[in-house]
Each structure stands twice: as structure tokens, then as C-alpha cells.
Amino acid sequence: MKFLKLVIVAIVFLVSLTIAPPSWAGQDHRKGADYAEVTQAINQLQQVQNAPEQAGYTPEQYHQQLAKLQAQKAVMESTTTRAQCHNQTIGNLAVYVNKPKKLPTQLYYLAAGQETDDDWDCDGYYLPAGTQVVLDPTTQAQALTEPLAVKFVDGTQSIVRTNPAGALEFNIAPANVFKAGETAWSIPTLSQVDINAQAPSPQIID
């Protein structure tokens, strides 16, 4: 009788794994919306590879954009962990984070030297107006005239640092950059002083 009970418990456990994989199971980013969008963008770009000017690119810009998209796709194909944000600046950062299947993407605050917990998805960063930032390794630092939200694809380990010139820079170029009204994410009017005054969000800390 005990053996039969053990068999039943084992069957129930295996079925539960099939229906609802545990939270510690790896994430297959190839099934997400980010992967579908990046794959579609690559396919569209490759259709004009012989005449990149049709898509508004110079040959150099075309290859840079294609390489950027391919790098994003490679991240999603080679990782099974959730995206994390790492603050290697000297102040607080406002980050866009969500608790998968539980809480929507919203702003939290990440203190200097901290990284987000891998139980959460860190989708990107809020950059206030006035921020000196390098949005792409191929461009120079610019001072933002309005607040922006920058987004990274699933699985990205994004790091923000302050370079010797005092500008923020990323270890990898963002997948998207949004102005207010271009995304469902909240893009409030905050200054860096406002962000530094916020208490860090303990629930998102690793």
C-alpha cells in the first residue's frame, strides 16, 4: 500500500512539472516576444542587404545594425537566466523591473554597486533629462533633453558604468530607446537628484 502511494505521489509530481515548470527551471527566451521581434527585424534587414539605402542605411550603418540585432538574438539563444541590471555608477538608478506572471513592469530604484535579483526580470533603465549618456558604443556621449527609457532583450546582463568623462555607458547597446508616449512603460519627469533621494527598492535586490 505504501509503495502504491509513493507511485501516485511520484506521478503527481511529474505531471506538475510538465504542466507548471518550477520557478528555478531555465527560461527559454526563444519563446518570448523579444525573440520574435528581433528575428523578424533581422529577416527584414537581410532582404535589403544588396541595397541598404532602401531601408535608410549606409552600408556601414547596415552592418552595424545587423550585428547589433544578431548579438541580441545570440543572447537570447545562449542564456536561460532572467535579465538582470547592474549598477556600477556612484548613484541610484531607476530601473524597469517586473516579477514574471505576478507584477507588471514598473520603476524601482537600484543603489550603487547593486544588481537586481534573478527572480525578477530587469527590462531596462530610466534616464532623466540632463543625463550625459553613451547610448551606443559607436556614438559619442550626449546630454539628454528629455527623459528616456532604454530596453534590453530577455536574458541580458546589462551593466551601467560611469566613464572617465562622467557619462553613463552600457556594456551592450540597448535594444530600444523610448520617449514618453512611445511605450506602455511610465516615463515620469524625474531628475537624478530625485532618483538619488529615493530609498533603494529592497525587494529587487539579489
C-alpha atoms as a PDB file:
ATOM      1  CA  MET A   1       0.000   0.000   0.000  1.00  0.00           C
ATOM      2  CA  LYS A   2       2.859   2.362   0.882  1.00  0.00           C
ATOM      3  CA  PHE A   3       4.521   1.544  -2.435  1.00  0.00           C
ATOM      4  CA  LEU A   4       1.313   2.395  -4.323  1.00  0.00           C
ATOM      5  CA  LYS A   5       1.093   5.739  -2.501  1.00  0.00           C
ATOM      6  CA  LEU A   6       4.708   6.509  -3.409  1.00  0.00           C
ATOM      7  CA  VAL A   7       3.989   5.723  -7.064  1.00  0.00           C
ATOM      8  CA  ILE A   8       0.924   8.006  -7.057  1.00  0.00           C
ATOM      9  CA  VAL A   9       2.902  10.852  -5.416  1.00  0.00           C
ATOM     10  CA  ALA A  10       5.690  10.417  -7.986  1.00  0.00           C
ATOM     11  CA  ILE A  11       3.196  10.531 -10.881  1.00  0.00           C
ATOM     12  CA  VAL A  12       1.504  13.661  -9.494  1.00  0.00           C
ATOM     13  CA  PHE A  13       4.924  15.329  -9.077  1.00  0.00           C
ATOM     14  CA  LEU A  14       5.975  14.509 -12.646  1.00  0.00           C
ATOM     15  CA  VAL A  15       2.667  15.760 -14.044  1.00  0.00           C
ATOM     16  CA  SER A  16       3.004  19.011 -12.084  1.00  0.00           C
ATOM     17  CA  LEU A  17       6.476  19.537 -13.555  1.00  0.00           C
ATOM     18  CA  THR A  18       5.068  19.089 -17.051  1.00  0.00           C
ATOM     19  CA  ILE A  19       2.133  21.431 -16.562  1.00  0.00           C
ATOM     20  CA  ALA A  20       3.836  24.102 -14.434  1.00  0.00           C
ATOM     21  CA  PRO A  21       7.647  24.068 -14.510  1.00  0.00           C
ATOM     22  CA  PRO A  22       9.185  25.256 -11.244  1.00  0.00           C
ATOM     23  CA  SER A  23      10.480  28.791 -10.860  1.00  0.00           C
ATOM     24  CA  TRP A  24      14.065  27.526 -10.793  1.00  0.00           C
ATOM     25  CA  ALA A  25      13.766  25.992 -14.260  1.00  0.00           C
ATOM     26  CA  GLY A  26      15.713  27.718 -17.030  1.00  0.00           C
ATOM     27  CA  GLN A  27      13.925  30.264 -19.201  1.00  0.00           C
ATOM     28  CA  ASP A  28      13.637  29.558 -22.939  1.00  0.00           C
ATOM     29  CA  HIS A  29      13.895  33.079 -24.329  1.00  0.00           C
ATOM     30  CA  ARG A  30      13.268  31.820 -27.866  1.00  0.00           C
ATOM     31  CA  LYS A  31       9.581  31.557 -26.959  1.00  0.00           C
ATOM     32  CA  GLY A  32       9.280  35.200 -25.926  1.00  0.00           C
ATOM     33  CA  ALA A  33       8.094  38.306 -27.763  1.00  0.00           C
ATOM     34  CA  ASP A  34      11.598  39.817 -27.797  1.00  0.00           C
ATOM     35  CA  TYR A  35      12.979  36.857 -29.750  1.00  0.00           C
ATOM     36  CA  ALA A  36      10.184  37.023 -32.313  1.00  0.00           C
ATOM     37  CA  GLU A  37      10.679  40.776 -32.804  1.00  0.00           C
ATOM     38  CA  VAL A  38      14.452  40.519 -33.204  1.00  0.00           C
ATOM     39  CA  THR A  39      14.185  37.579 -35.613  1.00  0.00           C
ATOM     40  CA  GLN A  40      11.650  39.488 -37.727  1.00  0.00           C
ATOM     41  CA  ALA A  41      13.875  42.589 -37.749  1.00  0.00           C
ATOM     42  CA  ILE A  42      16.877  40.520 -38.900  1.00  0.00           C
ATOM     43  CA  ASN A  43      14.845  38.917 -41.687  1.00  0.00           C
ATOM     44  CA  GLN A  44      13.593  42.310 -42.886  1.00  0.00           C
ATOM     45  CA  LEU A  45      17.100  43.757 -42.800  1.00  0.00           C
ATOM     46  CA  GLN A  46      18.562  40.857 -44.762  1.00  0.00           C
ATOM     47  CA  GLN A  47      16.014  41.411 -47.513  1.00  0.00           C
ATOM     48  CA  VAL A  48      17.689  44.730 -48.366  1.00  0.00           C
ATOM     49  CA  GLN A  49      21.293  43.626 -47.858  1.00  0.00           C
ATOM     50  CA  ASN A  50      22.137  44.360 -51.502  1.00  0.00           C
ATOM     51  CA  ALA A  51      20.579  47.828 -51.340  1.00  0.00           C
ATOM     52  CA  PRO A  52      20.674  49.000 -47.694  1.00  0.00           C
ATOM     53  CA  GLU A  53      19.860  52.560 -48.729  1.00  0.00           C
ATOM     54  CA  GLN A  54      16.292  51.349 -49.336  1.00  0.00           C
ATOM     55  CA  ALA A  55      15.984  50.988 -45.566  1.00  0.00           C
ATOM     56  CA  GLY A  56      17.709  54.304 -44.908  1.00  0.00           C
ATOM     57  CA  TYR A  57      21.136  52.872 -44.055  1.00  0.00           C
ATOM     58  CA  THR A  58      24.603  53.466 -45.401  1.00  0.00           C
ATOM     59  CA  PRO A  59      26.496  50.173 -45.923  1.00  0.00           C
ATOM     60  CA  GLU A  60      28.371  50.770 -42.638  1.00  0.00           C
ATOM     61  CA  GLN A  61      25.185  51.540 -40.701  1.00  0.00           C
ATOM     62  CA  TYR A  62      23.521  48.487 -42.210  1.00  0.00           C
ATOM     63  CA  HIS A  63      26.265  46.160 -40.966  1.00  0.00           C
ATOM     64  CA  GLN A  64      26.279  47.811 -37.543  1.00  0.00           C
ATOM     65  CA  GLN A  65      22.521  47.383 -37.171  1.00  0.00           C
ATOM     66  CA  LEU A  66      22.617  43.785 -38.374  1.00  0.00           C
ATOM     67  CA  ALA A  67      25.459  42.972 -35.963  1.00  0.00           C
ATOM     68  CA  LYS A  68      23.521  44.593 -33.108  1.00  0.00           C
ATOM     69  CA  LEU A  69      20.404  42.506 -33.821  1.00  0.00           C
ATOM     70  CA  GLN A  70      22.405  39.309 -34.231  1.00  0.00           C
ATOM     71  CA  ALA A  71      24.098  39.946 -30.885  1.00  0.00           C
ATOM     72  CA  GLN A  72      20.675  40.353 -29.232  1.00  0.00           C
ATOM     73  CA  LYS A  73      19.479  37.111 -30.792  1.00  0.00           C
ATOM     74  CA  ALA A  74      22.622  35.319 -29.624  1.00  0.00           C
ATOM     75  CA  VAL A  75      21.995  36.494 -26.038  1.00  0.00           C
ATOM     76  CA  MET A  76      18.502  35.013 -26.067  1.00  0.00           C
ATOM     77  CA  GLU A  77      19.678  31.756 -27.645  1.00  0.00           C
ATOM     78  CA  SER A  78      22.605  31.258 -25.275  1.00  0.00           C
ATOM     79  CA  THR A  79      21.089  32.208 -21.907  1.00  0.00           C
ATOM     80  CA  THR A  80      18.374  30.685 -19.757  1.00  0.00           C
ATOM     81  CA  THR A  81      18.548  33.171 -16.889  1.00  0.00           C
ATOM     82  CA  ARG A  82      16.360  36.216 -16.451  1.00  0.00           C
ATOM     83  CA  ALA A  83      17.639  39.651 -17.426  1.00  0.00           C
ATOM     84  CA  GLN A  84      19.487  41.491 -14.661  1.00  0.00           C
ATOM     85  CA  CYS A  85      20.531  45.122 -14.257  1.00  0.00           C
ATOM     86  CA  HIS A  86      23.859  46.001 -12.617  1.00  0.00           C
ATOM     87  CA  ASN A  87      24.546  49.460 -11.199  1.00  0.00           C
ATOM     88  CA  GLN A  88      28.252  50.273 -11.310  1.00  0.00           C
ATOM     89  CA  THR A  89      27.721  54.043 -11.062  1.00  0.00           C
ATOM     90  CA  ILE A  90      28.083  56.209  -7.953  1.00  0.00           C
ATOM     91  CA  GLY A  91      24.370  56.970  -7.520  1.00  0.00           C
ATOM     92  CA  ASN A  92      20.939  55.354  -7.629  1.00  0.00           C
ATOM     93  CA  LEU A  93      19.496  54.138 -10.916  1.00  0.00           C
ATOM     94  CA  ALA A  94      15.808  53.929 -11.781  1.00  0.00           C
ATOM     95  CA  VAL A  95      15.193  50.539 -13.376  1.00  0.00           C
ATOM     96  CA  TYR A  96      12.232  48.914 -15.124  1.00  0.00           C
ATOM     97  CA  VAL A  97      11.601  45.589 -13.426  1.00  0.00           C
ATOM     98  CA  ASN A  98       8.803  43.030 -13.355  1.00  0.00           C
ATOM     99  CA  LYS A  99       8.021  39.878 -11.407  1.00  0.00           C
ATOM    100  CA  PRO A 100       7.186  37.347 -14.159  1.00  0.00           C
ATOM    101  CA  LYS A 101       3.482  36.408 -14.177  1.00  0.00           C
ATOM    102  CA  LYS A 102       2.926  38.349 -10.939  1.00  0.00           C
ATOM    103  CA  LEU A 103       3.759  42.047 -11.250  1.00  0.00           C
ATOM    104  CA  PRO A 104       3.906  44.309 -14.318  1.00  0.00           C
ATOM    105  CA  THR A 105       6.972  46.252 -15.404  1.00  0.00           C
ATOM    106  CA  GLN A 106       7.370  49.360 -13.271  1.00  0.00           C
ATOM    107  CA  LEU A 107      10.059  51.639 -11.860  1.00  0.00           C
ATOM    108  CA  TYR A 108      12.178  50.566  -8.909  1.00  0.00           C
ATOM    109  CA  TYR A 109      15.404  52.015  -7.524  1.00  0.00           C
ATOM    110  CA  LEU A 110      18.768  50.273  -7.575  1.00  0.00           C
ATOM    111  CA  ALA A 111      21.576  51.590  -5.378  1.00  0.00           C
ATOM    112  CA  ALA A 112      25.204  51.940  -6.474  1.00  0.00           C
ATOM    113  CA  GLY A 113      27.037  48.618  -6.503  1.00  0.00           C
ATOM    114  CA  GLN A 114      23.837  46.544  -6.537  1.00  0.00           C
ATOM    115  CA  GLU A 115      22.265  44.187  -9.068  1.00  0.00           C
ATOM    116  CA  THR A 116      18.686  43.016  -9.439  1.00  0.00           C
ATOM    117  CA  ASP A 117      17.635  39.640  -8.133  1.00  0.00           C
ATOM    118  CA  ASP A 118      17.479  36.893 -10.750  1.00  0.00           C
ATOM    119  CA  ASP A 119      13.912  36.054  -9.698  1.00  0.00           C
ATOM    120  CA  TRP A 120      12.911  39.354 -11.332  1.00  0.00           C
ATOM    121  CA  ASP A 121      13.202  40.497 -14.951  1.00  0.00           C
ATOM    122  CA  CYS A 122      15.066  43.783 -15.298  1.00  0.00           C
ATOM    123  CA  ASP A 123      13.895  45.123 -18.654  1.00  0.00           C
ATOM    124  CA  GLY A 124      15.804  48.406 -18.750  1.00  0.00           C
ATOM    125  CA  TYR A 125      16.597  51.799 -17.264  1.00  0.00           C
ATOM    126  CA  TYR A 126      15.029  55.235 -16.890  1.00  0.00           C
ATOM    127  CA  LEU A 127      17.349  58.076 -17.908  1.00  0.00           C
ATOM    128  CA  PRO A 128      16.354  61.564 -16.714  1.00  0.00           C
ATOM    129  CA  ALA A 129      16.748  64.703 -18.813  1.00  0.00           C
ATOM    130  CA  GLY A 130      20.209  66.178 -18.436  1.00  0.00           C
ATOM    131  CA  THR A 131      21.927  62.796 -18.233  1.00  0.00           C
ATOM    132  CA  GLN A 132      25.189  62.525 -20.137  1.00  0.00           C
ATOM    133  CA  VAL A 133      24.987  59.085 -21.734  1.00  0.00           C
ATOM    134  CA  VAL A 134      26.575  56.936 -24.427  1.00  0.00           C
ATOM    135  CA  LEU A 135      23.640  55.005 -25.882  1.00  0.00           C
ATOM    136  CA  ASP A 136      25.709  53.097 -28.426  1.00  0.00           C
ATOM    137  CA  PRO A 137      29.442  52.244 -28.449  1.00  0.00           C
ATOM    138  CA  THR A 138      29.687  53.713 -31.968  1.00  0.00           C
ATOM    139  CA  THR A 139      28.431  57.156 -30.876  1.00  0.00           C
ATOM    140  CA  GLN A 140      29.616  59.987 -28.642  1.00  0.00           C
ATOM    141  CA  ALA A 141      28.118  60.943 -25.276  1.00  0.00           C
ATOM    142  CA  GLN A 142      25.066  63.162 -25.473  1.00  0.00           C
ATOM    143  CA  ALA A 143      23.152  65.230 -22.923  1.00  0.00           C
ATOM    144  CA  LEU A 144      19.501  64.184 -22.921  1.00  0.00           C
ATOM    145  CA  THR A 145      16.988  66.962 -23.455  1.00  0.00           C
ATOM    146  CA  GLU A 146      14.084  64.765 -22.295  1.00  0.00           C
ATOM    147  CA  PRO A 147      13.749  61.606 -20.204  1.00  0.00           C
ATOM    148  CA  LEU A 148      14.158  58.260 -21.950  1.00  0.00           C
ATOM    149  CA  ALA A 149      13.540  54.588 -21.224  1.00  0.00           C
ATOM    150  CA  VAL A 150      16.077  52.117 -22.584  1.00  0.00           C
ATOM    151  CA  LYS A 151      15.138  48.462 -23.043  1.00  0.00           C
ATOM    152  CA  PHE A 152      17.221  45.296 -23.242  1.00  0.00           C
ATOM    153  CA  VAL A 153      16.130  41.902 -24.602  1.00  0.00           C
ATOM    154  CA  ASP A 154      15.335  38.879 -22.443  1.00  0.00           C
ATOM    155  CA  GLY A 155      18.340  37.338 -20.725  1.00  0.00           C
ATOM    156  CA  THR A 156      20.616  40.394 -20.999  1.00  0.00           C
ATOM    157  CA  GLN A 157      23.086  41.067 -18.194  1.00  0.00           C
ATOM    158  CA  SER A 158      23.166  44.839 -18.609  1.00  0.00           C
ATOM    159  CA  ILE A 159      25.754  46.909 -16.764  1.00  0.00           C
ATOM    160  CA  VAL A 160      25.743  50.696 -16.363  1.00  0.00           C
ATOM    161  CA  ARG A 161      29.039  52.401 -15.571  1.00  0.00           C
ATOM    162  CA  THR A 162      30.268  55.978 -15.323  1.00  0.00           C
ATOM    163  CA  ASN A 163      33.109  56.541 -17.795  1.00  0.00           C
ATOM    164  CA  PRO A 164      36.139  58.810 -17.110  1.00  0.00           C
ATOM    165  CA  ALA A 165      34.330  61.742 -18.739  1.00  0.00           C
ATOM    166  CA  GLY A 166      31.428  61.379 -16.299  1.00  0.00           C
ATOM    167  CA  ALA A 167      28.921  59.964 -18.809  1.00  0.00           C
ATOM    168  CA  LEU A 168      26.862  56.833 -18.293  1.00  0.00           C
ATOM    169  CA  GLU A 169      27.635  53.960 -20.634  1.00  0.00           C
ATOM    170  CA  PHE A 170      26.327  50.426 -21.113  1.00  0.00           C
ATOM    171  CA  ASN A 171      28.234  47.207 -21.648  1.00  0.00           C
ATOM    172  CA  ILE A 172      25.880  46.452 -24.542  1.00  0.00           C
ATOM    173  CA  ALA A 173      23.773  48.729 -26.720  1.00  0.00           C
ATOM    174  CA  PRO A 174      20.080  48.877 -25.716  1.00  0.00           C
ATOM    175  CA  ALA A 175      17.604  47.053 -27.938  1.00  0.00           C
ATOM    176  CA  ASN A 176      15.198  50.025 -27.910  1.00  0.00           C
ATOM    177  CA  VAL A 177      15.115  53.624 -26.728  1.00  0.00           C
ATOM    178  CA  PHE A 178      11.716  55.141 -25.941  1.00  0.00           C
ATOM    179  CA  LYS A 179      10.451  58.672 -25.356  1.00  0.00           C
ATOM    180  CA  ALA A 180       7.335  59.403 -23.330  1.00  0.00           C
ATOM    181  CA  GLY A 181       4.264  58.160 -25.223  1.00  0.00           C
ATOM    182  CA  GLU A 182       6.185  55.564 -27.247  1.00  0.00           C
ATOM    183  CA  THR A 183       5.844  52.728 -24.740  1.00  0.00           C
ATOM    184  CA  ALA A 184       3.441  51.454 -22.105  1.00  0.00           C
ATOM    185  CA  TRP A 185       6.190  51.961 -19.520  1.00  0.00           C
ATOM    186  CA  SER A 186       5.852  55.006 -17.291  1.00  0.00           C
ATOM    187  CA  ILE A 187       8.381  57.724 -18.209  1.00  0.00           C
ATOM    188  CA  PRO A 188       7.920  60.361 -15.497  1.00  0.00           C
ATOM    189  CA  THR A 189       9.719  63.684 -15.144  1.00  0.00           C
ATOM    190  CA  LEU A 190      12.442  62.967 -12.587  1.00  0.00           C
ATOM    191  CA  SER A 191      15.909  64.417 -12.121  1.00  0.00           C
ATOM    192  CA  GLN A 192      18.953  62.483 -10.990  1.00  0.00           C
ATOM    193  CA  VAL A 193      18.643  64.356  -7.690  1.00  0.00           C
ATOM    194  CA  ASP A 194      15.107  62.934  -7.337  1.00  0.00           C
ATOM    195  CA  ILE A 195      16.366  59.424  -8.110  1.00  0.00           C
ATOM    196  CA  ASN A 196      19.258  59.659  -5.630  1.00  0.00           C
ATOM    197  CA  ALA A 197      16.785  60.787  -2.946  1.00  0.00           C
ATOM    198  CA  GLN A 198      14.705  57.610  -3.346  1.00  0.00           C
ATOM    199  CA  ALA A 199      15.208  54.696  -0.960  1.00  0.00           C
ATOM    200  CA  PRO A 200      16.516  51.672  -2.907  1.00  0.00           C
ATOM    201  CA  SER A 201      13.860  49.001  -3.531  1.00  0.00           C
ATOM    202  CA  PRO A 202      14.844  46.051  -1.288  1.00  0.00           C
ATOM    203  CA  GLN A 203      12.565  43.517  -2.980  1.00  0.00           C
ATOM    204  CA  ILE A 204      14.515  43.579  -6.268  1.00  0.00           C
ATOM    205  CA  ILE A 205      17.990  43.173  -4.750  1.00  0.00           C
ATOM    206  CA  ASP A 206      19.929  39.937  -5.234  1.00  0.00           C
END
